[in-house]
């Protein structure tokens, strides 16, 4: 497991990845060529992955994301240390918080 701020990244065995996601197209990259895992609403900084790969969002408002890195990659953020990731599949989960009457994604 890896954690960078409010983002948790867990390694997955490929057999645990649902078949439709193995072939699903990935998310588009931002203008800097990164796969953005979480964008800071306050600072504009981003938890992002550099390197070849795909980011696939699962259904639902809090649905986790699946990250496929065929050659490994690096998680970067302007205020955190770089985290190297090995090649493989990962589940990416954003931290949530409870506010009276609602559950929401943590905003940094």
Protein backbone atom coordinates (compact mmCIF):
# COMPACT_ATOMS: atom_id res chain seq x y z
CA UNK A 1 0.00 0.00 0.00
CA UNK A 2 1.04 3.54 -0.70
CA UNK A 3 -0.40 6.79 0.63
CA UNK A 4 0.18 10.33 -0.51
CA UNK A 5 -1.95 12.87 1.33
CA UNK A 6 -5.63 11.97 0.91
CA UNK A 7 -4.95 9.32 -1.77
CA UNK A 8 -4.52 5.61 -0.95
CA UNK A 9 -3.02 3.32 -3.62
CA UNK A 10 -3.31 -0.47 -3.17
CA UNK A 11 -1.68 -3.08 -5.38
CA UNK A 12 -4.08 -5.53 -7.04
CA UNK A 13 -3.47 -8.92 -8.54
CA UNK A 14 -4.58 -8.81 -12.17
CA UNK A 15 -7.06 -11.64 -11.47
CA UNK A 16 -8.89 -9.26 -9.06
CA UNK A 17 -9.46 -6.69 -11.82
CA UNK A 18 -12.93 -7.16 -13.38
CA UNK A 19 -12.63 -8.26 -17.01
CA UNK A 20 -14.40 -5.21 -18.50
CA UNK A 21 -11.84 -2.92 -16.86
CA UNK A 22 -8.83 -4.81 -18.20
CA UNK A 23 -9.66 -3.62 -21.71
CA UNK A 24 -11.43 -0.34 -20.86
CA UNK A 25 -9.99 2.86 -22.29
CA UNK A 26 -8.24 5.01 -19.75
CA UNK A 27 -8.79 8.60 -18.64
CA UNK A 28 -7.26 11.40 -20.62
CA UNK A 29 -4.12 13.01 -19.35
CA UNK A 30 -3.90 16.61 -18.23
CA UNK A 31 -2.01 19.30 -20.16
CA UNK A 32 1.23 18.18 -18.48
CA UNK A 33 0.78 14.56 -19.59
CA UNK A 34 -0.09 13.23 -16.13
CA UNK A 35 -2.83 10.87 -14.97
CA UNK A 36 -4.49 12.94 -12.22
CA UNK A 37 -5.61 10.91 -9.19
CA UNK A 38 -6.82 13.92 -7.19
CA UNK A 39 -6.84 17.62 -7.91
CA UNK A 40 -6.49 20.05 -5.00
CA UNK A 41 -9.50 22.35 -4.97
CA UNK A 42 -7.74 24.91 -2.76
CA UNK A 43 -4.16 24.88 -4.04
CA UNK A 44 -4.57 23.59 -7.59
CA UNK A 45 -1.84 21.02 -6.89
CA UNK A 46 -2.46 17.46 -8.05
CA UNK A 47 -1.67 13.93 -6.95
CA UNK A 48 -0.71 12.55 -10.35
CA UNK A 49 1.10 9.65 -11.99
CA UNK A 50 3.89 10.14 -14.48
CA UNK A 51 4.69 7.37 -16.91
CA UNK A 52 2.80 5.14 -19.30
CA UNK A 53 -0.49 3.77 -18.03
CA UNK A 54 -4.26 4.06 -17.80
CA UNK A 55 -6.58 5.46 -15.15
CA UNK A 56 -10.07 3.96 -15.15
CA UNK A 57 -12.87 5.37 -12.98
CA UNK A 58 -15.32 2.87 -11.54
CA UNK A 59 -19.02 3.76 -11.38
CA UNK A 60 -20.52 5.84 -8.58
CA UNK A 61 -19.84 9.23 -7.03
CA UNK A 62 -17.21 7.81 -4.68
CA UNK A 63 -16.16 5.00 -6.99
CA UNK A 64 -12.50 4.17 -6.67
CA UNK A 65 -10.22 4.29 -9.66
CA UNK A 66 -8.17 1.53 -11.21
CA UNK A 67 -4.66 2.37 -12.31
CA UNK A 68 -2.72 0.19 -14.73
CA UNK A 69 1.01 0.83 -15.02
CA UNK A 70 2.56 -1.58 -17.55
CA UNK A 71 6.06 -0.25 -16.87
CA UNK A 72 5.68 1.23 -13.40
CA UNK A 73 5.39 4.93 -12.68
CA UNK A 74 5.81 7.72 -10.16
CA UNK A 75 3.19 9.47 -8.03
CA UNK A 76 4.04 13.15 -7.80
CA UNK A 77 2.64 16.14 -5.91
CA UNK A 78 4.05 19.59 -5.41
CA UNK A 79 4.06 19.25 -1.59
CA UNK A 80 4.86 15.55 -1.09
CA UNK A 81 7.77 13.23 -1.78
CA UNK A 82 7.66 11.24 -5.03
CA UNK A 83 6.41 7.65 -4.65
CA UNK A 84 7.75 5.11 -7.15
CA UNK A 85 5.23 2.41 -8.12
CA UNK A 86 6.08 -0.97 -9.61
CA UNK A 87 4.38 -2.19 -12.77
CA UNK A 88 0.93 -3.68 -12.29
CA UNK A 89 -2.65 -2.85 -11.32
CA UNK A 90 -3.69 -0.62 -8.43
CA UNK A 91 -6.91 0.53 -6.78
CA UNK A 92 -6.87 4.24 -5.97
CA UNK A 93 -9.16 5.45 -3.18
CA UNK A 94 -9.76 9.06 -2.13
CA UNK A 95 -10.17 9.75 1.57
CA UNK A 96 -13.74 10.59 2.57
CA UNK A 97 -15.09 12.58 5.51
CA UNK A 98 -18.47 12.82 7.16
CA UNK A 99 -20.19 16.17 7.45
CA UNK A 100 -23.65 16.30 9.03
CA UNK A 101 -26.02 14.88 6.46
CA UNK A 102 -23.40 13.96 3.86
CA UNK A 103 -20.29 12.00 3.04
CA UNK A 104 -17.82 13.82 0.83
CA UNK A 105 -14.37 13.48 -0.68
CA UNK A 106 -11.73 15.25 1.38
CA UNK A 107 -10.69 18.56 -0.22
CA UNK A 108 -7.08 19.65 0.26
